[in-house]
């Protein structure tokens, strides 16, 4: 039984739904809190967490009357307690406190803690059978097999909060799994969609951060420019919906209006459309199985005028090819893919490598990992975190030689 409901299935929703937001001060958390702000009569905040932004966390906890607030940085506990003095909000700090926040009895949990640090908290929510809106890529890219198995075993409901996966989730409700032919994930193409290979190689940080459609954090914006982010989404879709790599296609769609499509056996193609605003998929998750009012702009197709599409170019954007390769390899290869990319992006931001070297470092790390005979099934969060840690170390050792190589 899948942890993702692939067909429309109404479930009873209480008048007041309790929610927890893991990563409340990040971009996804900010969008989630904005939606909660507009529907105070429907939601009660149980727990909020942040990485280190104590003041923003405390402000949100006061505004929403959160019962528990946790900061991941253990050194900031005293500051958090001071900021919440005189309130009824309990405080915690460190990894265990973030996990406690996820384990508290909320009906619905937004899992938006970035990086491998988000895996154990998300599993804590999954293991008690909660409805989990998943915005953390690492849960699936690094630990997809056992994460979804744990969710199914616990009876947890996983709702995809990424725009593309949420689009697929909505479109998949139009048919049964056995009727599915393929899913299509759309990509804007990023700022380098029409650039030549030589120009992409030399792209600057400022150029990589000029995304044409979406306003996102620095890391994900750079991933979008390399199409590494789309590769991560292919991997996520495979684990989330139990799809083979050949059942997932990517289509470049510069307007970012169609976010995902599903083709069925009768050749009907069902698409989900919307303005490029993360509050739309989050609102879908927050209201599911019903729908709530969302603040995103009304879609005006007449004003947009046209929607265009292109096939992805695997030569100019090798990161996308590497995602499919690592997915087919399995046994931790996708974990290595993600970890090496994080090292590569950090090196690019620091000016240590060219933009074009990001994908080369990822490929070199995966190849070295395979040659060393490290591939093995991942059966626990600790397994995934260990592979992630070791892959980062391997990528760091390969970084100097990759930096010296020309494209």
Protein backbone atom coordinates (compact mmCIF):
# COMPACT_ATOMS: atom_id res chain seq x y z
CA UNK A 1 0.00 0.00 0.00
CA UNK A 2 1.39 3.37 -1.02
CA UNK A 3 1.82 6.13 1.52
CA UNK A 4 0.75 8.56 -1.19
CA UNK A 5 -3.00 8.42 -1.99
CA UNK A 6 -2.91 8.05 -5.79
CA UNK A 7 -6.64 8.37 -6.29
CA UNK A 8 -9.11 10.89 -4.92
CA UNK A 9 -10.01 9.65 -1.46
CA UNK A 10 -11.93 11.92 0.85
CA UNK A 11 -11.19 11.57 4.54
CA UNK A 12 -12.86 13.14 7.50
CA UNK A 13 -11.21 16.37 8.56
CA UNK A 14 -11.85 17.79 12.02
CA UNK A 15 -13.07 21.36 12.37
CA UNK A 16 -9.74 22.41 13.86
CA UNK A 17 -6.60 20.79 12.45
CA UNK A 18 -3.44 20.89 14.55
CA UNK A 19 -0.27 21.56 12.58
CA UNK A 20 3.48 21.62 13.12
CA UNK A 21 5.92 23.38 10.82
CA UNK A 22 9.48 22.06 10.77
CA UNK A 23 11.63 24.78 9.26
CA UNK A 24 9.16 27.57 9.95
CA UNK A 25 11.56 30.44 9.22
CA UNK A 26 12.73 29.23 5.78
CA UNK A 27 11.11 30.07 2.45
CA UNK A 28 8.70 27.10 2.52
CA UNK A 29 7.95 27.70 6.18
CA UNK A 30 7.28 31.36 5.48
CA UNK A 31 4.76 30.47 2.77
CA UNK A 32 3.12 27.95 5.11
CA UNK A 33 2.81 30.45 7.94
CA UNK A 34 1.34 32.98 5.50
CA UNK A 35 -1.39 30.48 4.61
CA UNK A 36 -2.05 29.68 8.27
CA UNK A 37 -2.31 33.39 8.94
CA UNK A 38 -5.21 33.56 6.51
CA UNK A 39 -7.12 30.64 8.05
CA UNK A 40 -6.73 30.98 11.80
CA UNK A 41 -10.18 29.52 12.45
CA UNK A 42 -9.17 26.18 10.88
CA UNK A 43 -5.70 25.54 12.33
CA UNK A 44 -3.98 25.38 15.71
CA UNK A 45 -0.18 25.43 15.73
CA UNK A 46 1.34 22.67 17.84
CA UNK A 47 5.07 23.08 17.18
CA UNK A 48 7.48 25.25 15.21
CA UNK A 49 11.19 24.78 14.55
CA UNK A 50 14.05 26.79 13.07
CA UNK A 51 17.71 26.15 12.43
CA UNK A 52 19.20 29.18 14.21
CA UNK A 53 16.92 32.18 13.66
CA UNK A 54 15.71 32.42 17.25
CA UNK A 55 14.07 35.83 17.02
CA UNK A 56 11.99 34.95 13.94
CA UNK A 57 11.00 31.65 15.54
CA UNK A 58 9.95 33.32 18.78
CA UNK A 59 7.93 35.92 16.89
CA UNK A 60 6.02 33.20 15.04
CA UNK A 61 5.50 31.17 18.22
CA UNK A 62 3.96 34.20 19.91
CA UNK A 63 1.83 35.13 16.92
CA UNK A 64 0.35 31.66 16.54
CA UNK A 65 0.36 30.55 20.15
CA UNK A 66 2.57 27.54 19.43
CA UNK A 67 2.72 24.98 22.20
CA UNK A 68 6.34 24.06 21.49
CA UNK A 69 9.28 25.77 19.75
CA UNK A 70 12.65 24.24 19.00
CA UNK A 71 15.86 25.63 17.54
CA UNK A 72 18.33 23.19 15.96
CA UNK A 73 21.39 25.02 17.30
CA UNK A 74 21.80 23.73 20.88
CA UNK A 75 23.75 26.84 21.86
CA UNK A 76 20.68 29.05 21.30
CA UNK A 77 18.38 27.53 23.94
CA UNK A 78 18.86 30.30 26.50
CA UNK A 79 18.18 32.93 23.86
CA UNK A 80 14.99 31.16 22.83
CA UNK A 81 13.80 30.87 26.41
CA UNK A 82 14.43 34.58 26.96
CA UNK A 83 12.57 35.48 23.78
CA UNK A 84 9.55 33.40 24.85
CA UNK A 85 9.58 34.35 28.52
CA UNK A 86 6.07 34.99 29.82
CA UNK A 87 4.41 32.77 27.21
CA UNK A 88 3.09 29.23 27.52
CA UNK A 89 5.33 27.95 24.75
CA UNK A 90 7.68 25.14 25.77
CA UNK A 91 11.22 25.44 24.40
CA UNK A 92 13.86 23.00 23.20
CA UNK A 93 17.16 23.02 21.33
CA UNK A 94 19.30 20.58 19.37
CA UNK A 95 18.49 17.68 17.10
CA UNK A 96 16.48 15.84 19.75
CA UNK A 97 14.24 18.87 20.25
CA UNK A 98 13.51 19.16 16.53
CA UNK A 99 12.65 15.46 16.50
CA UNK A 100 10.41 16.02 19.54
CA UNK A 101 8.61 18.79 17.64
CA UNK A 102 7.86 16.35 14.82
CA UNK A 103 6.74 13.66 17.26
CA UNK A 104 4.24 15.88 19.06
CA UNK A 105 0.55 15.16 18.35
CA UNK A 106 -0.17 17.37 15.33
CA UNK A 107 -2.56 16.12 12.66
CA UNK A 108 -0.48 17.67 9.87
CA UNK A 109 3.27 18.31 9.66
CA UNK A 110 5.17 20.45 7.17
CA UNK A 111 8.59 18.81 6.76
CA UNK A 112 10.69 21.69 5.43
CA UNK A 113 13.97 21.30 7.32
CA UNK A 114 16.61 21.41 4.59
CA UNK A 115 19.39 18.89 4.10
CA UNK A 116 20.05 15.53 5.72
CA UNK A 117 19.11 17.12 9.07
CA UNK A 118 15.48 16.93 7.99
CA UNK A 119 15.38 13.14 7.66
CA UNK A 120 15.04 12.03 11.28
CA UNK A 121 12.41 14.67 12.18
CA UNK A 122 10.34 13.71 9.13
CA UNK A 123 10.57 10.05 10.11
CA UNK A 124 9.40 10.93 13.64
CA UNK A 125 6.22 12.40 12.13
CA UNK A 126 5.86 9.47 9.73
CA UNK A 127 6.25 6.84 12.43
CA UNK A 128 3.24 8.13 14.37
CA UNK A 129 1.07 8.01 11.24
CA UNK A 130 0.73 11.75 10.70
CA UNK A 131 -0.14 13.50 7.46
CA UNK A 132 3.22 14.85 6.30
CA UNK A 133 3.56 17.58 3.69
CA UNK A 134 7.01 16.79 2.33
CA UNK A 135 9.20 19.67 1.17
CA UNK A 136 12.55 18.12 2.13
CA UNK A 137 14.19 16.51 -0.91
CA UNK A 138 16.72 14.56 1.12
CA UNK A 139 14.04 12.36 2.68
CA UNK A 140 13.45 10.79 -0.73
CA UNK A 141 16.69 11.43 -2.62
CA UNK A 142 18.82 10.05 0.21
CA UNK A 143 16.46 7.51 1.75
CA UNK A 144 13.52 7.04 -0.59
CA UNK A 145 13.02 3.28 -0.37
CA UNK A 146 12.85 2.86 3.38
CA UNK A 147 11.25 6.27 3.97
CA UNK A 148 8.21 5.32 1.90
CA UNK A 149 8.16 1.81 3.39
CA UNK A 150 8.12 3.29 6.91
CA UNK A 151 5.31 5.64 5.91
CA UNK A 152 3.19 2.82 4.48
CA UNK A 153 3.81 0.63 7.54
CA UNK A 154 2.78 3.41 9.95
CA UNK A 155 -0.25 4.43 7.90
CA UNK A 156 1.18 7.91 7.39
CA UNK A 157 -0.06 9.99 4.48
CA UNK A 158 2.69 11.68 2.45
CA UNK A 159 1.59 14.79 0.56
CA UNK A 160 4.13 16.27 -1.86
CA UNK A 161 4.63 20.00 -1.27
CA UNK A 162 7.00 20.69 -4.18
CA UNK A 163 5.12 22.33 -7.03
CA UNK A 164 5.99 19.63 -9.59
CA UNK A 165 5.24 16.64 -7.37
CA UNK A 166 2.10 18.22 -6.07
CA UNK A 167 1.00 18.74 -9.68
CA UNK A 168 1.61 15.05 -10.41
CA UNK A 169 -0.25 14.11 -7.23
CA UNK A 170 -3.29 16.08 -8.34
CA UNK A 171 -3.16 14.74 -11.91
CA UNK A 172 -2.69 11.13 -10.79
CA UNK A 173 -6.11 11.30 -9.18
CA UNK A 174 -7.62 11.06 -12.69
CA UNK A 175 -6.74 7.38 -13.10
CA UNK A 176 -5.45 4.16 -11.55
CA UNK A 177 -1.81 3.09 -11.26
CA UNK A 178 -2.24 0.33 -13.82
CA UNK A 179 -3.55 2.89 -16.32
CA UNK A 180 -0.51 5.15 -16.02
CA UNK A 181 1.92 5.40 -18.94
CA UNK A 182 4.27 8.14 -17.74
CA UNK A 183 4.52 11.33 -15.75
CA UNK A 184 6.01 14.53 -17.12
CA UNK A 185 7.82 16.97 -14.85
CA UNK A 186 8.21 20.45 -16.29
CA UNK A 187 11.30 22.62 -15.96
CA UNK A 188 11.67 26.34 -16.61
CA UNK A 189 15.14 25.74 -18.07
CA UNK A 190 16.58 28.29 -15.67
CA UNK A 191 18.65 31.32 -16.64
CA UNK A 192 20.91 29.34 -19.00
CA UNK A 193 18.19 27.65 -21.04
CA UNK A 194 19.44 29.10 -24.36
CA UNK A 195 23.13 29.45 -23.50
CA UNK A 196 25.91 27.59 -25.32
CA UNK A 197 27.95 25.00 -23.42
CA UNK A 198 31.05 27.22 -23.34
CA UNK A 199 29.07 30.11 -21.86
CA UNK A 200 27.41 27.89 -19.23
CA UNK A 201 30.86 26.66 -18.22
CA UNK A 202 31.98 30.19 -17.36
CA UNK A 203 28.71 31.47 -15.83
CA UNK A 204 29.11 33.66 -12.75
CA UNK A 205 27.34 33.34 -9.43
CA UNK A 206 25.30 36.48 -10.12
CA UNK A 207 24.16 35.04 -13.46
CA UNK A 208 23.23 31.70 -11.90
CA UNK A 209 21.08 33.44 -9.30
CA UNK A 210 18.91 35.25 -11.87
CA UNK A 211 16.07 32.78 -12.14
CA UNK A 212 13.48 33.92 -14.69
CA UNK A 213 10.35 32.80 -12.81
CA UNK A 214 10.82 31.66 -9.22
CA UNK A 215 12.04 33.42 -6.10
CA UNK A 216 13.98 30.82 -4.10
CA UNK A 217 16.97 30.39 -1.83
CA UNK A 218 20.52 30.54 -3.17
CA UNK A 219 21.21 26.79 -3.24
CA UNK A 220 18.01 25.77 -5.03
CA UNK A 221 18.36 28.65 -7.51
CA UNK A 222 21.83 27.45 -8.50
CA UNK A 223 20.50 23.88 -8.75
CA UNK A 224 17.80 25.17 -11.07
CA UNK A 225 20.41 26.86 -13.26
CA UNK A 226 22.33 23.57 -13.64
CA UNK A 227 19.08 21.53 -13.84
CA UNK A 228 20.41 19.55 -10.89
CA UNK A 229 17.21 20.48 -9.11
CA UNK A 230 15.18 18.85 -11.87
CA UNK A 231 17.34 15.75 -11.51
CA UNK A 232 16.56 15.68 -7.79
CA UNK A 233 12.87 15.97 -8.65
CA UNK A 234 13.08 13.00 -11.03
CA UNK A 235 14.56 10.94 -8.19
CA UNK A 236 11.89 12.17 -5.77
CA UNK A 237 9.09 11.30 -8.18
CA UNK A 238 10.44 7.78 -8.61
CA UNK A 239 10.37 7.05 -4.88
CA UNK A 240 7.27 9.06 -4.08
CA UNK A 241 5.02 7.44 -6.68
CA UNK A 242 6.85 4.10 -7.13
CA UNK A 243 7.82 4.89 -10.74
CA UNK A 244 10.57 3.39 -12.87
CA UNK A 245 13.02 5.89 -14.41
CA UNK A 246 11.56 5.23 -17.86
CA UNK A 247 8.13 6.30 -16.60
CA UNK A 248 9.40 9.82 -15.82
CA UNK A 249 10.01 12.44 -18.49
CA UNK A 250 11.23 16.03 -18.19
CA UNK A 251 9.90 18.77 -20.46
CA UNK A 252 11.31 22.30 -20.56
CA UNK A 253 8.47 24.79 -20.23
CA UNK A 254 9.85 28.35 -19.84
CA UNK A 255 6.62 29.94 -18.61
CA UNK A 256 6.36 27.67 -15.51
CA UNK A 257 2.56 27.55 -15.74
CA UNK A 258 2.12 23.80 -16.26
CA UNK A 259 3.87 22.15 -13.32
CA UNK A 260 3.30 18.50 -14.12
CA UNK A 261 1.38 16.16 -16.40
CA UNK A 262 0.31 12.52 -16.35
CA UNK A 263 -0.34 10.40 -19.43
CA UNK A 264 -2.73 7.46 -19.16
CA UNK A 265 -3.25 4.38 -21.30
CA UNK A 266 -6.05 5.95 -23.33
CA UNK A 267 -3.51 8.70 -24.26
CA UNK A 268 -5.31 11.31 -22.18
CA UNK A 269 -2.82 13.73 -20.63
CA UNK A 270 -3.93 15.46 -17.44
CA UNK A 271 -2.05 18.60 -16.40
CA UNK A 272 -2.03 20.87 -13.36
CA UNK A 273 -1.59 24.59 -14.04
CA UNK A 274 -1.04 27.58 -11.80
CA UNK A 275 0.95 30.78 -11.36
CA UNK A 276 4.53 30.14 -10.14
CA UNK A 277 3.82 30.58 -6.42
CA UNK A 278 4.77 27.98 -3.80
CA UNK A 279 1.71 28.88 -1.74
CA UNK A 280 -0.47 27.03 -4.25
CA UNK A 281 0.94 23.51 -3.70
CA UNK A 282 1.32 24.17 0.02
CA UNK A 283 -2.32 25.28 0.21
CA UNK A 284 -3.34 22.06 -1.54
CA UNK A 285 -1.45 20.02 1.05
CA UNK A 286 -2.76 22.10 3.94
CA UNK A 287 -6.39 21.71 2.92
CA UNK A 288 -6.26 18.13 1.60
CA UNK A 289 -8.55 16.28 1.12
CA UNK A 290 -10.51 19.54 0.82
CA UNK A 291 -9.29 22.81 -0.65
CA UNK A 292 -8.73 26.15 1.08
CA UNK A 293 -8.56 29.68 -0.26
CA UNK A 294 -5.11 30.51 -1.59
CA UNK A 295 -3.58 33.99 -1.99
CA UNK A 296 -1.65 33.29 -5.22
CA UNK A 297 -2.46 35.39 -8.28
CA UNK A 298 -5.34 34.23 -10.46
CA UNK A 299 -4.06 32.49 -13.59
CA UNK A 300 -4.66 34.66 -16.66
CA UNK A 301 -3.85 32.53 -19.70
CA UNK A 302 -5.06 35.18 -22.13
CA UNK A 303 -2.52 37.62 -20.71
CA UNK A 304 0.26 35.01 -20.81
CA UNK A 305 -0.64 34.38 -24.44
CA UNK A 306 1.28 31.20 -25.14
CA UNK A 307 2.82 28.17 -23.50
CA UNK A 308 5.93 26.70 -25.12
CA UNK A 309 7.87 23.47 -24.66
CA UNK A 310 11.31 22.08 -25.46
CA UNK A 311 13.09 18.78 -24.96
CA UNK A 312 15.81 18.91 -22.28
CA UNK A 313 19.41 19.03 -23.53
CA UNK A 314 21.44 16.41 -21.67
CA UNK A 315 24.70 17.63 -23.23
CA UNK A 316 24.37 21.19 -21.98
CA UNK A 317 22.85 20.08 -18.68
CA UNK A 318 24.58 16.80 -17.74
CA UNK A 319 23.24 17.00 -14.17
CA UNK A 320 19.90 15.74 -15.43
CA UNK A 321 21.47 12.72 -17.13
CA UNK A 322 23.39 11.93 -13.93
CA UNK A 323 20.13 11.86 -11.97
CA UNK A 324 18.69 9.16 -14.22
CA UNK A 325 21.99 7.22 -14.07
CA UNK A 326 22.11 7.31 -10.27
CA UNK A 327 18.45 6.33 -10.02
CA UNK A 328 19.03 3.28 -12.22
CA UNK A 329 22.14 2.37 -10.21
CA UNK A 330 20.30 2.63 -6.88
CA UNK A 331 21.80 1.31 -3.63
CA UNK A 332 22.81 4.71 -2.31
CA UNK A 333 23.85 6.29 -5.61
CA UNK A 334 21.16 8.94 -5.39
CA UNK A 335 22.38 9.80 -1.90
CA UNK A 336 25.87 10.31 -3.32
CA UNK A 337 24.43 12.41 -6.17
CA UNK A 338 22.81 14.80 -3.71
CA UNK A 339 25.74 14.98 -1.29
CA UNK A 340 28.32 15.63 -4.01
CA UNK A 341 26.12 18.33 -5.48
CA UNK A 342 25.91 20.15 -2.16
CA UNK A 343 29.71 20.14 -1.91
CA UNK A 344 30.01 21.32 -5.52
CA UNK A 345 27.50 24.15 -5.13
CA UNK A 346 29.22 25.37 -1.96
CA UNK A 347 32.54 25.33 -3.84
CA UNK A 348 31.03 27.30 -6.72
CA UNK A 349 29.58 29.90 -4.34
CA UNK A 350 33.03 30.20 -2.71
CA UNK A 351 34.66 30.74 -6.10
CA UNK A 352 36.65 27.49 -5.98
CA UNK A 353 35.23 25.92 -9.15
CA UNK A 354 33.53 27.03 -12.34
CA UNK A 355 29.82 26.58 -12.80
CA UNK A 356 30.39 23.82 -15.35
CA UNK A 357 32.47 21.87 -12.83
CA UNK A 358 29.47 21.28 -10.56
CA UNK A 359 28.20 18.36 -12.63
CA UNK A 360 31.73 17.05 -13.24
CA UNK A 361 32.39 16.81 -9.50
CA UNK A 362 29.10 14.99 -8.97
CA UNK A 363 29.88 12.52 -11.74
CA UNK A 364 33.43 11.92 -10.50
CA UNK A 365 32.17 11.29 -6.95
CA UNK A 366 29.54 8.78 -8.10
CA UNK A 367 32.08 6.95 -10.28
CA UNK A 368 34.61 6.78 -7.43
CA UNK A 369 31.90 5.53 -5.08
CA UNK A 370 30.93 2.74 -7.45
CA UNK A 371 34.55 1.73 -8.15
CA UNK A 372 35.19 1.46 -4.42
CA UNK A 373 32.37 -1.07 -4.08
CA UNK A 374 30.38 1.08 -1.67
CA UNK A 375 26.95 0.46 -3.17
CA UNK A 376 24.59 -1.26 -0.73
CA UNK A 377 20.89 -1.06 0.15
CA UNK A 378 20.04 1.62 2.72
CA UNK A 379 17.88 0.28 5.53
CA UNK A 380 17.88 3.07 8.10
CA UNK A 381 18.24 6.81 8.56
CA UNK A 382 21.70 6.23 10.00
CA UNK A 383 22.70 4.33 6.83
CA UNK A 384 21.60 7.22 4.66
CA UNK A 385 23.29 9.83 6.85
CA UNK A 386 26.53 7.81 6.85
CA UNK A 387 26.54 7.55 3.04
CA UNK A 388 25.78 11.26 2.81
CA UNK A 389 28.68 12.09 5.14
CA UNK A 390 31.16 9.80 3.39
CA UNK A 391 30.13 11.02 -0.07
CA UNK A 392 30.71 14.61 1.00
CA UNK A 393 34.19 13.68 2.16
CA UNK A 394 34.90 11.93 -1.15
CA UNK A 395 33.65 14.93 -3.12
CA UNK A 396 35.86 17.23 -1.05
CA UNK A 397 38.95 15.12 -1.82
CA UNK A 398 38.14 15.17 -5.55
CA UNK A 399 37.45 18.90 -5.60
CA UNK A 400 41.03 20.16 -6.26
CA UNK A 401 41.56 17.99 -9.35
CA UNK A 402 38.12 18.79 -10.74
CA UNK A 403 38.81 22.51 -10.24
CA UNK A 404 41.91 22.21 -12.42
CA UNK A 405 40.16 20.42 -15.31
CA UNK A 406 38.72 22.34 -18.25
CA UNK A 407 35.39 21.34 -19.72
